[in-house]
């Protein structure tokens, strides 16, 4: 699992800030990006856990993208595929 602090732009509205007497529009909104690699039989369980934990019910809650992972490899243990997860 990896968590990254990012800035995003989408349906969630930016805001304005005052700096040295001038007003600036801030269009990018701070967000978090979570990347998780799991075995295919755990996908629904992990998605449910993320949604139930992170959902605020407000605009900008985000999206969950699910994609297939063809191969995985762990170093230095030389594990591959499901064993590497």
PDB file of N, CA and C in Angstrom:
ATOM      1  N   UNK A   1       0.848  -1.169   0.000  1.00  0.00           N
ATOM      2  CA  UNK A   1       0.000   0.000   0.000  1.00  0.00           C
ATOM      3  C   UNK A   1       0.891   1.228   0.000  1.00  0.00           C
ATOM      4  N   UNK A   2       0.515   2.212  -0.819  1.00  0.00           N
ATOM      5  CA  UNK A   2       1.211   3.491  -0.860  1.00  0.00           C
ATOM      6  C   UNK A   2       0.188   4.606  -0.716  1.00  0.00           C
ATOM      7  N   UNK A   3       0.514   5.620   0.069  1.00  0.00           N
ATOM      8  CA  UNK A   3      -0.340   6.792   0.242  1.00  0.00           C
ATOM      9  C   UNK A   3       0.468   8.013  -0.174  1.00  0.00           C
ATOM     10  N   UNK A   4      -0.111   8.823  -1.056  1.00  0.00           N
ATOM     11  CA  UNK A   4       0.564  10.011  -1.564  1.00  0.00           C
ATOM     12  C   UNK A   4      -0.333  11.224  -1.383  1.00  0.00           C
ATOM     13  N   UNK A   5       0.224  12.323  -0.879  1.00  0.00           N
ATOM     14  CA  UNK A   5      -0.519  13.575  -0.813  1.00  0.00           C
ATOM     15  C   UNK A   5      -0.393  14.257  -2.162  1.00  0.00           C
ATOM     16  N   UNK A   6      -1.532  14.557  -2.793  1.00  0.00           N
ATOM     17  CA  UNK A   6      -1.537  15.149  -4.128  1.00  0.00           C
ATOM     18  C   UNK A   6      -2.456  16.360  -4.151  1.00  0.00           C
ATOM     19  N   UNK A   7      -2.487  17.059  -5.277  1.00  0.00           N
ATOM     20  CA  UNK A   7      -3.455  18.123  -5.506  1.00  0.00           C
ATOM     21  C   UNK A   7      -4.259  17.734  -6.726  1.00  0.00           C
ATOM     22  N   UNK A   8      -5.573  17.945  -6.670  1.00  0.00           N
ATOM     23  CA  UNK A   8      -6.423  17.524  -7.763  1.00  0.00           C
ATOM     24  C   UNK A   8      -7.337  18.635  -8.238  1.00  0.00           C
ATOM     25  N   UNK A   9      -7.924  18.417  -9.401  1.00  0.00           N
ATOM     26  CA  UNK A   9      -8.838  19.370 -10.000  1.00  0.00           C
ATOM     27  C   UNK A   9      -9.972  18.573 -10.605  1.00  0.00           C
ATOM     28  N   UNK A  10     -11.177  18.909 -10.234  1.00  0.00           N
ATOM     29  CA  UNK A  10     -12.318  18.172 -10.757  1.00  0.00           C
ATOM     30  C   UNK A  10     -13.599  18.885 -10.410  1.00  0.00           C
ATOM     31  N   UNK A  11     -14.595  18.141 -10.023  1.00  0.00           N
ATOM     32  CA  UNK A  11     -15.876  18.744  -9.665  1.00  0.00           C
ATOM     33  C   UNK A  11     -15.821  19.489  -8.349  1.00  0.00           C
ATOM     34  N   UNK A  12     -14.912  19.089  -7.479  1.00  0.00           N
ATOM     35  CA  UNK A  12     -14.791  19.799  -6.211  1.00  0.00           C
ATOM     36  C   UNK A  12     -14.252  21.198  -6.497  1.00  0.00           C
ATOM     37  N   UNK A  13     -14.840  22.163  -5.853  1.00  0.00           N
ATOM     38  CA  UNK A  13     -14.538  23.560  -6.138  1.00  0.00           C
ATOM     39  C   UNK A  13     -13.314  24.010  -5.363  1.00  0.00           C
ATOM     40  N   UNK A  14     -12.467  24.794  -6.027  1.00  0.00           N
ATOM     41  CA  UNK A  14     -11.315  25.386  -5.350  1.00  0.00           C
ATOM     42  C   UNK A  14     -11.775  26.508  -4.440  1.00  0.00           C
ATOM     43  N   UNK A  15     -10.848  27.300  -3.985  1.00  0.00           N
ATOM     44  CA  UNK A  15     -11.179  28.398  -3.090  1.00  0.00           C
ATOM     45  C   UNK A  15     -10.254  29.578  -3.379  1.00  0.00           C
ATOM     46  N   UNK A  16     -10.519  30.684  -2.722  1.00  0.00           N
ATOM     47  CA  UNK A  16      -9.657  31.851  -2.895  1.00  0.00           C
ATOM     48  C   UNK A  16      -8.888  32.097  -1.608  1.00  0.00           C
ATOM     49  N   UNK A  17      -7.686  32.615  -1.762  1.00  0.00           N
ATOM     50  CA  UNK A  17      -6.852  32.951  -0.614  1.00  0.00           C
ATOM     51  C   UNK A  17      -6.354  34.375  -0.767  1.00  0.00           C
ATOM     52  N   UNK A  18      -6.087  35.006   0.351  1.00  0.00           N
ATOM     53  CA  UNK A  18      -5.561  36.359   0.365  1.00  0.00           C
ATOM     54  C   UNK A  18      -4.078  36.301   0.692  1.00  0.00           C
ATOM     55  N   UNK A  19      -3.256  36.895  -0.172  1.00  0.00           N
ATOM     56  CA  UNK A  19      -1.814  36.910   0.044  1.00  0.00           C
ATOM     57  C   UNK A  19      -1.303  38.315  -0.222  1.00  0.00           C
ATOM     58  N   UNK A  20      -0.754  38.943   0.803  1.00  0.00           N
ATOM     59  CA  UNK A  20      -0.210  40.310   0.700  1.00  0.00           C
ATOM     60  C   UNK A  20      -1.205  41.276   0.061  1.00  0.00           C
ATOM     61  N   UNK A  21      -2.452  41.155   0.497  1.00  0.00           N
ATOM     62  CA  UNK A  21      -3.477  42.078   0.048  1.00  0.00           C
ATOM     63  C   UNK A  21      -4.122  41.734  -1.283  1.00  0.00           C
ATOM     64  N   UNK A  22      -3.640  40.727  -1.982  1.00  0.00           N
ATOM     65  CA  UNK A  22      -4.220  40.334  -3.263  1.00  0.00           C
ATOM     66  C   UNK A  22      -4.940  38.998  -3.115  1.00  0.00           C
ATOM     67  N   UNK A  23      -6.040  38.876  -3.815  1.00  0.00           N
ATOM     68  CA  UNK A  23      -6.820  37.651  -3.751  1.00  0.00           C
ATOM     69  C   UNK A  23      -6.438  36.728  -4.911  1.00  0.00           C
ATOM     70  N   UNK A  24      -6.185  35.464  -4.610  1.00  0.00           N
ATOM     71  CA  UNK A  24      -5.782  34.477  -5.606  1.00  0.00           C
ATOM     72  C   UNK A  24      -6.758  33.320  -5.600  1.00  0.00           C
ATOM     73  N   UNK A  25      -7.032  32.800  -6.776  1.00  0.00           N
ATOM     74  CA  UNK A  25      -7.884  31.631  -6.901  1.00  0.00           C
ATOM     75  C   UNK A  25      -7.014  30.378  -6.855  1.00  0.00           C
ATOM     76  N   UNK A  26      -7.375  29.480  -5.977  1.00  0.00           N
ATOM     77  CA  UNK A  26      -6.646  28.214  -5.852  1.00  0.00           C
ATOM     78  C   UNK A  26      -7.552  27.115  -6.412  1.00  0.00           C
ATOM     79  N   UNK A  27      -7.234  26.652  -7.622  1.00  0.00           N
ATOM     80  CA  UNK A  27      -8.088  25.681  -8.292  1.00  0.00           C
ATOM     81  C   UNK A  27      -7.776  24.240  -7.899  1.00  0.00           C
ATOM     82  N   UNK A  28      -6.543  23.975  -7.540  1.00  0.00           N
ATOM     83  CA  UNK A  28      -6.176  22.622  -7.145  1.00  0.00           C
ATOM     84  C   UNK A  28      -6.479  22.425  -5.670  1.00  0.00           C
ATOM     85  N   UNK A  29      -7.090  21.308  -5.356  1.00  0.00           N
ATOM     86  CA  UNK A  29      -7.519  21.006  -3.998  1.00  0.00           C
ATOM     87  C   UNK A  29      -6.659  19.866  -3.459  1.00  0.00           C
ATOM     88  N   UNK A  30      -6.191  19.955  -2.200  1.00  0.00           N
ATOM     89  CA  UNK A  30      -5.394  18.870  -1.631  1.00  0.00           C
ATOM     90  C   UNK A  30      -6.209  17.575  -1.542  1.00  0.00           C
ATOM     91  N   UNK A  31      -5.596  16.486  -1.931  1.00  0.00           N
ATOM     92  CA  UNK A  31      -6.253  15.176  -1.906  1.00  0.00           C
ATOM     93  C   UNK A  31      -5.232  14.116  -1.504  1.00  0.00           C
ATOM     94  N   UNK A  32      -5.710  12.915  -1.305  1.00  0.00           N
ATOM     95  CA  UNK A  32      -4.831  11.779  -1.016  1.00  0.00           C
ATOM     96  C   UNK A  32      -5.027  10.720  -2.087  1.00  0.00           C
ATOM     97  N   UNK A  33      -3.942  10.101  -2.464  1.00  0.00           N
ATOM     98  CA  UNK A  33      -4.004   8.993  -3.434  1.00  0.00           C
ATOM     99  C   UNK A  33      -3.536   7.735  -2.722  1.00  0.00           C
ATOM    100  N   UNK A  34      -4.354   6.712  -2.797  1.00  0.00           N
ATOM    101  CA  UNK A  34      -4.083   5.437  -2.143  1.00  0.00           C
ATOM    102  C   UNK A  34      -3.944   4.381  -3.222  1.00  0.00           C
ATOM    103  N   UNK A  35      -2.822   3.677  -3.230  1.00  0.00           N
ATOM    104  CA  UNK A  35      -2.605   2.594  -4.189  1.00  0.00           C
ATOM    105  C   UNK A  35      -2.428   1.296  -3.410  1.00  0.00           C
ATOM    106  N   UNK A  36      -3.235   0.310  -3.771  1.00  0.00           N
ATOM    107  CA  UNK A  36      -3.220  -0.970  -3.061  1.00  0.00           C
ATOM    108  C   UNK A  36      -3.208  -2.094  -4.085  1.00  0.00           C
ATOM    109  N   UNK A  37      -2.331  -3.062  -3.911  1.00  0.00           N
ATOM    110  CA  UNK A  37      -2.308  -4.248  -4.764  1.00  0.00           C
ATOM    111  C   UNK A  37      -2.740  -5.435  -3.909  1.00  0.00           C
ATOM    112  N   UNK A  38      -3.819  -6.096  -4.339  1.00  0.00           N
ATOM    113  CA  UNK A  38      -4.347  -7.232  -3.574  1.00  0.00           C
ATOM    114  C   UNK A  38      -4.661  -8.381  -4.518  1.00  0.00           C
ATOM    115  N   UNK A  39      -4.810  -9.564  -3.957  1.00  0.00           N
ATOM    116  CA  UNK A  39      -5.227 -10.723  -4.740  1.00  0.00           C
ATOM    117  C   UNK A  39      -6.647 -10.480  -5.250  1.00  0.00           C
ATOM    118  N   UNK A  40      -6.958 -11.031  -6.404  1.00  0.00           N
ATOM    119  CA  UNK A  40      -8.253 -10.758  -7.044  1.00  0.00           C
ATOM    120  C   UNK A  40      -9.451 -11.156  -6.186  1.00  0.00           C
ATOM    121  N   UNK A  41      -9.307 -12.175  -5.352  1.00  0.00           N
ATOM    122  CA  UNK A  41     -10.440 -12.594  -4.521  1.00  0.00           C
ATOM    123  C   UNK A  41     -10.678 -11.650  -3.341  1.00  0.00           C
ATOM    124  N   UNK A  42      -9.796 -10.662  -3.134  1.00  0.00           N
ATOM    125  CA  UNK A  42      -9.956  -9.707  -2.034  1.00  0.00           C
ATOM    126  C   UNK A  42     -10.393  -8.320  -2.501  1.00  0.00           C
ATOM    127  N   UNK A  43     -10.553  -8.125  -3.807  1.00  0.00           N
ATOM    128  CA  UNK A  43     -10.839  -6.791  -4.352  1.00  0.00           C
ATOM    129  C   UNK A  43     -12.104  -6.190  -3.752  1.00  0.00           C
ATOM    130  N   UNK A  44     -13.213  -6.915  -3.784  1.00  0.00           N
ATOM    131  CA  UNK A  44     -14.475  -6.377  -3.272  1.00  0.00           C
ATOM    132  C   UNK A  44     -14.384  -6.034  -1.789  1.00  0.00           C
ATOM    133  N   UNK A  45     -13.727  -6.874  -1.028  1.00  0.00           N
ATOM    134  CA  UNK A  45     -13.573  -6.639   0.411  1.00  0.00           C
ATOM    135  C   UNK A  45     -12.750  -5.371   0.673  1.00  0.00           C
ATOM    136  N   UNK A  46     -11.685  -5.175  -0.081  1.00  0.00           N
ATOM    137  CA  UNK A  46     -10.828  -4.002   0.094  1.00  0.00           C
ATOM    138  C   UNK A  46     -11.557  -2.733  -0.344  1.00  0.00           C
ATOM    139  N   UNK A  47     -12.266  -2.790  -1.474  1.00  0.00           N
ATOM    140  CA  UNK A  47     -13.029  -1.631  -1.934  1.00  0.00           C
ATOM    141  C   UNK A  47     -14.081  -1.241  -0.902  1.00  0.00           C
ATOM    142  N   UNK A  48     -14.812  -2.219  -0.367  1.00  0.00           N
ATOM    143  CA  UNK A  48     -15.815  -1.936   0.665  1.00  0.00           C
ATOM    144  C   UNK A  48     -15.180  -1.285   1.888  1.00  0.00           C
ATOM    145  N   UNK A  49     -14.018  -1.764   2.300  1.00  0.00           N
ATOM    146  CA  UNK A  49     -13.336  -1.194   3.467  1.00  0.00           C
ATOM    147  C   UNK A  49     -12.926   0.256   3.206  1.00  0.00           C
ATOM    148  N   UNK A  50     -12.424   0.545   2.004  1.00  0.00           N
ATOM    149  CA  UNK A  50     -12.021   1.912   1.673  1.00  0.00           C
ATOM    150  C   UNK A  50     -13.241   2.833   1.652  1.00  0.00           C
ATOM    151  N   UNK A  51     -14.303   2.413   0.976  1.00  0.00           N
ATOM    152  CA  UNK A  51     -15.507   3.236   0.877  1.00  0.00           C
ATOM    153  C   UNK A  51     -16.103   3.493   2.260  1.00  0.00           C
ATOM    154  N   UNK A  52     -16.245   2.465   3.067  1.00  0.00           N
ATOM    155  CA  UNK A  52     -16.858   2.617   4.389  1.00  0.00           C
ATOM    156  C   UNK A  52     -16.014   3.481   5.327  1.00  0.00           C
ATOM    157  N   UNK A  53     -14.720   3.487   5.142  1.00  0.00           N
ATOM    158  CA  UNK A  53     -13.835   4.254   6.018  1.00  0.00           C
ATOM    159  C   UNK A  53     -13.654   5.688   5.549  1.00  0.00           C
ATOM    160  N   UNK A  54     -13.535   5.891   4.247  1.00  0.00           N
ATOM    161  CA  UNK A  54     -13.155   7.203   3.723  1.00  0.00           C
ATOM    162  C   UNK A  54     -14.321   8.074   3.270  1.00  0.00           C
ATOM    163  N   UNK A  55     -15.495   7.527   3.118  1.00  0.00           N
ATOM    164  CA  UNK A  55     -16.631   8.276   2.587  1.00  0.00           C
ATOM    165  C   UNK A  55     -17.066   9.380   3.547  1.00  0.00           C
ATOM    166  N   UNK A  56     -17.173  10.615   2.999  1.00  0.00           N
ATOM    167  CA  UNK A  56     -17.652  11.737   3.799  1.00  0.00           C
ATOM    168  C   UNK A  56     -19.045  12.170   3.369  1.00  0.00           C
ATOM    169  N   UNK A  57     -19.456  11.780   2.150  1.00  0.00           N
ATOM    170  CA  UNK A  57     -20.756  12.186   1.640  1.00  0.00           C
ATOM    171  C   UNK A  57     -20.727  13.553   0.974  1.00  0.00           C
ATOM    172  N   UNK A  58     -19.559  14.146   0.861  1.00  0.00           N
ATOM    173  CA  UNK A  58     -19.419  15.464   0.256  1.00  0.00           C
ATOM    174  C   UNK A  58     -18.841  15.344  -1.148  1.00  0.00           C
ATOM    175  N   UNK A  59     -19.019  16.421  -1.942  1.00  0.00           N
ATOM    176  CA  UNK A  59     -18.418  16.469  -3.267  1.00  0.00           C
ATOM    177  C   UNK A  59     -16.910  16.365  -3.107  1.00  0.00           C
ATOM    178  N   UNK A  60     -16.269  15.568  -3.955  1.00  0.00           N
ATOM    179  CA  UNK A  60     -14.822  15.409  -3.868  1.00  0.00           C
ATOM    180  C   UNK A  60     -14.394  14.174  -3.104  1.00  0.00           C
ATOM    181  N   UNK A  61     -15.347  13.322  -2.745  1.00  0.00           N
ATOM    182  CA  UNK A  61     -14.998  12.081  -2.053  1.00  0.00           C
ATOM    183  C   UNK A  61     -14.032  11.236  -2.870  1.00  0.00           C
ATOM    184  N   UNK A  62     -14.068  11.378  -4.172  1.00  0.00           N
ATOM    185  CA  UNK A  62     -13.086  10.693  -4.999  1.00  0.00           C
ATOM    186  C   UNK A  62     -13.643   9.556  -5.806  1.00  0.00           C
ATOM    187  N   UNK A  63     -12.726   8.833  -6.398  1.00  0.00           N
ATOM    188  CA  UNK A  63     -13.066   7.708  -7.256  1.00  0.00           C
ATOM    189  C   UNK A  63     -12.169   6.534  -6.894  1.00  0.00           C
ATOM    190  N   UNK A  64     -12.644   5.361  -7.208  1.00  0.00           N
ATOM    191  CA  UNK A  64     -11.841   4.159  -7.035  1.00  0.00           C
ATOM    192  C   UNK A  64     -11.688   3.524  -8.408  1.00  0.00           C
ATOM    193  N   UNK A  65     -10.453   3.365  -8.834  1.00  0.00           N
ATOM    194  CA  UNK A  65     -10.153   2.710 -10.101  1.00  0.00           C
ATOM    195  C   UNK A  65      -9.617   1.317  -9.795  1.00  0.00           C
ATOM    196  N   UNK A  66     -10.129   0.334 -10.506  1.00  0.00           N
ATOM    197  CA  UNK A  66      -9.695  -1.045 -10.313  1.00  0.00           C
ATOM    198  C   UNK A  66      -9.130  -1.552 -11.639  1.00  0.00           C
ATOM    199  N   UNK A  67      -7.923  -2.062 -11.596  1.00  0.00           N
ATOM    200  CA  UNK A  67      -7.325  -2.597 -12.813  1.00  0.00           C
ATOM    201  C   UNK A  67      -6.618  -3.909 -12.506  1.00  0.00           C
ATOM    202  N   UNK A  68      -6.478  -4.719 -13.553  1.00  0.00           N
ATOM    203  CA  UNK A  68      -5.781  -5.993 -13.404  1.00  0.00           C
ATOM    204  C   UNK A  68      -4.282  -5.759 -13.289  1.00  0.00           C
ATOM    205  N   UNK A  69      -3.657  -6.580 -12.514  1.00  0.00           N
ATOM    206  CA  UNK A  69      -2.213  -6.545 -12.350  1.00  0.00           C
ATOM    207  C   UNK A  69      -1.687  -7.837 -12.960  1.00  0.00           C
ATOM    208  N   UNK A  70      -0.987  -7.713 -14.084  1.00  0.00           N
ATOM    209  CA  UNK A  70      -0.542  -8.905 -14.810  1.00  0.00           C
ATOM    210  C   UNK A  70       0.500  -9.703 -14.048  1.00  0.00           C
ATOM    211  N   UNK A  71       1.473  -9.018 -13.511  1.00  0.00           N
ATOM    212  CA  UNK A  71       2.540  -9.695 -12.770  1.00  0.00           C
ATOM    213  C   UNK A  71       2.974  -8.826 -11.609  1.00  0.00           C
ATOM    214  N   UNK A  72       3.520  -9.465 -10.602  1.00  0.00           N
ATOM    215  CA  UNK A  72       4.131  -8.725  -9.502  1.00  0.00           C
ATOM    216  C   UNK A  72       5.372  -9.483  -9.058  1.00  0.00           C
ATOM    217  N   UNK A  73       6.308  -8.736  -8.544  1.00  0.00           N
ATOM    218  CA  UNK A  73       7.562  -9.351  -8.115  1.00  0.00           C
ATOM    219  C   UNK A  73       8.066  -8.592  -6.901  1.00  0.00           C
ATOM    220  N   UNK A  74       8.538  -9.302  -5.916  1.00  0.00           N
ATOM    221  CA  UNK A  74       9.067  -8.701  -4.700  1.00  0.00           C
ATOM    222  C   UNK A  74      10.559  -8.957  -4.619  1.00  0.00           C
ATOM    223  N   UNK A  75      11.303  -7.897  -4.379  1.00  0.00           N
ATOM    224  CA  UNK A  75      12.752  -8.015  -4.195  1.00  0.00           C
ATOM    225  C   UNK A  75      13.066  -7.676  -2.763  1.00  0.00           C
ATOM    226  N   UNK A  76      13.989  -8.218  -2.069  1.00  0.00           N
ATOM    227  CA  UNK A  76      14.990  -9.176  -2.515  1.00  0.00           C
ATOM    228  C   UNK A  76      14.538 -10.627  -2.346  1.00  0.00           C
ATOM    229  N   UNK A  77      13.268 -10.850  -1.986  1.00  0.00           N
ATOM    230  CA  UNK A  77      12.806 -12.199  -1.655  1.00  0.00           C
ATOM    231  C   UNK A  77      12.514 -13.066  -2.874  1.00  0.00           C
ATOM    232  N   UNK A  78      12.550 -12.490  -4.067  1.00  0.00           N
ATOM    233  CA  UNK A  78      12.320 -13.196  -5.321  1.00  0.00           C
ATOM    234  C   UNK A  78      10.960 -13.889  -5.371  1.00  0.00           C
ATOM    235  N   UNK A  79       9.984 -13.290  -4.695  1.00  0.00           N
ATOM    236  CA  UNK A  79       8.627 -13.810  -4.767  1.00  0.00           C
ATOM    237  C   UNK A  79       7.958 -13.254  -6.016  1.00  0.00           C
ATOM    238  N   UNK A  80       7.024 -14.017  -6.568  1.00  0.00           N
ATOM    239  CA  UNK A  80       6.305 -13.561  -7.753  1.00  0.00           C
ATOM    240  C   UNK A  80       4.810 -13.717  -7.576  1.00  0.00           C
ATOM    241  N   UNK A  81       4.072 -12.930  -8.352  1.00  0.00           N
ATOM    242  CA  UNK A  81       2.621 -12.954  -8.444  1.00  0.00           C
ATOM    243  C   UNK A  81       1.953 -12.898  -7.058  1.00  0.00           C
ATOM    244  N   UNK A  82       1.015 -13.805  -6.751  1.00  0.00           N
ATOM    245  CA  UNK A  82       0.278 -13.725  -5.480  1.00  0.00           C
ATOM    246  C   UNK A  82       1.180 -13.784  -4.251  1.00  0.00           C
ATOM    247  N   UNK A  83       2.249 -14.526  -4.333  1.00  0.00           N
ATOM    248  CA  UNK A  83       3.176 -14.633  -3.203  1.00  0.00           C
ATOM    249  C   UNK A  83       3.825 -13.279  -2.906  1.00  0.00           C
ATOM    250  N   UNK A  84       4.042 -12.459  -3.929  1.00  0.00           N
ATOM    251  CA  UNK A  84       4.672 -11.154  -3.758  1.00  0.00           C
ATOM    252  C   UNK A  84       3.725 -10.136  -3.143  1.00  0.00           C
ATOM    253  N   UNK A  85       2.425 -10.394  -3.214  1.00  0.00           N
ATOM    254  CA  UNK A  85       1.457  -9.479  -2.641  1.00  0.00           C
ATOM    255  C   UNK A  85       1.338  -9.736  -1.159  1.00  0.00           C
TER     256      UNK A  85
END
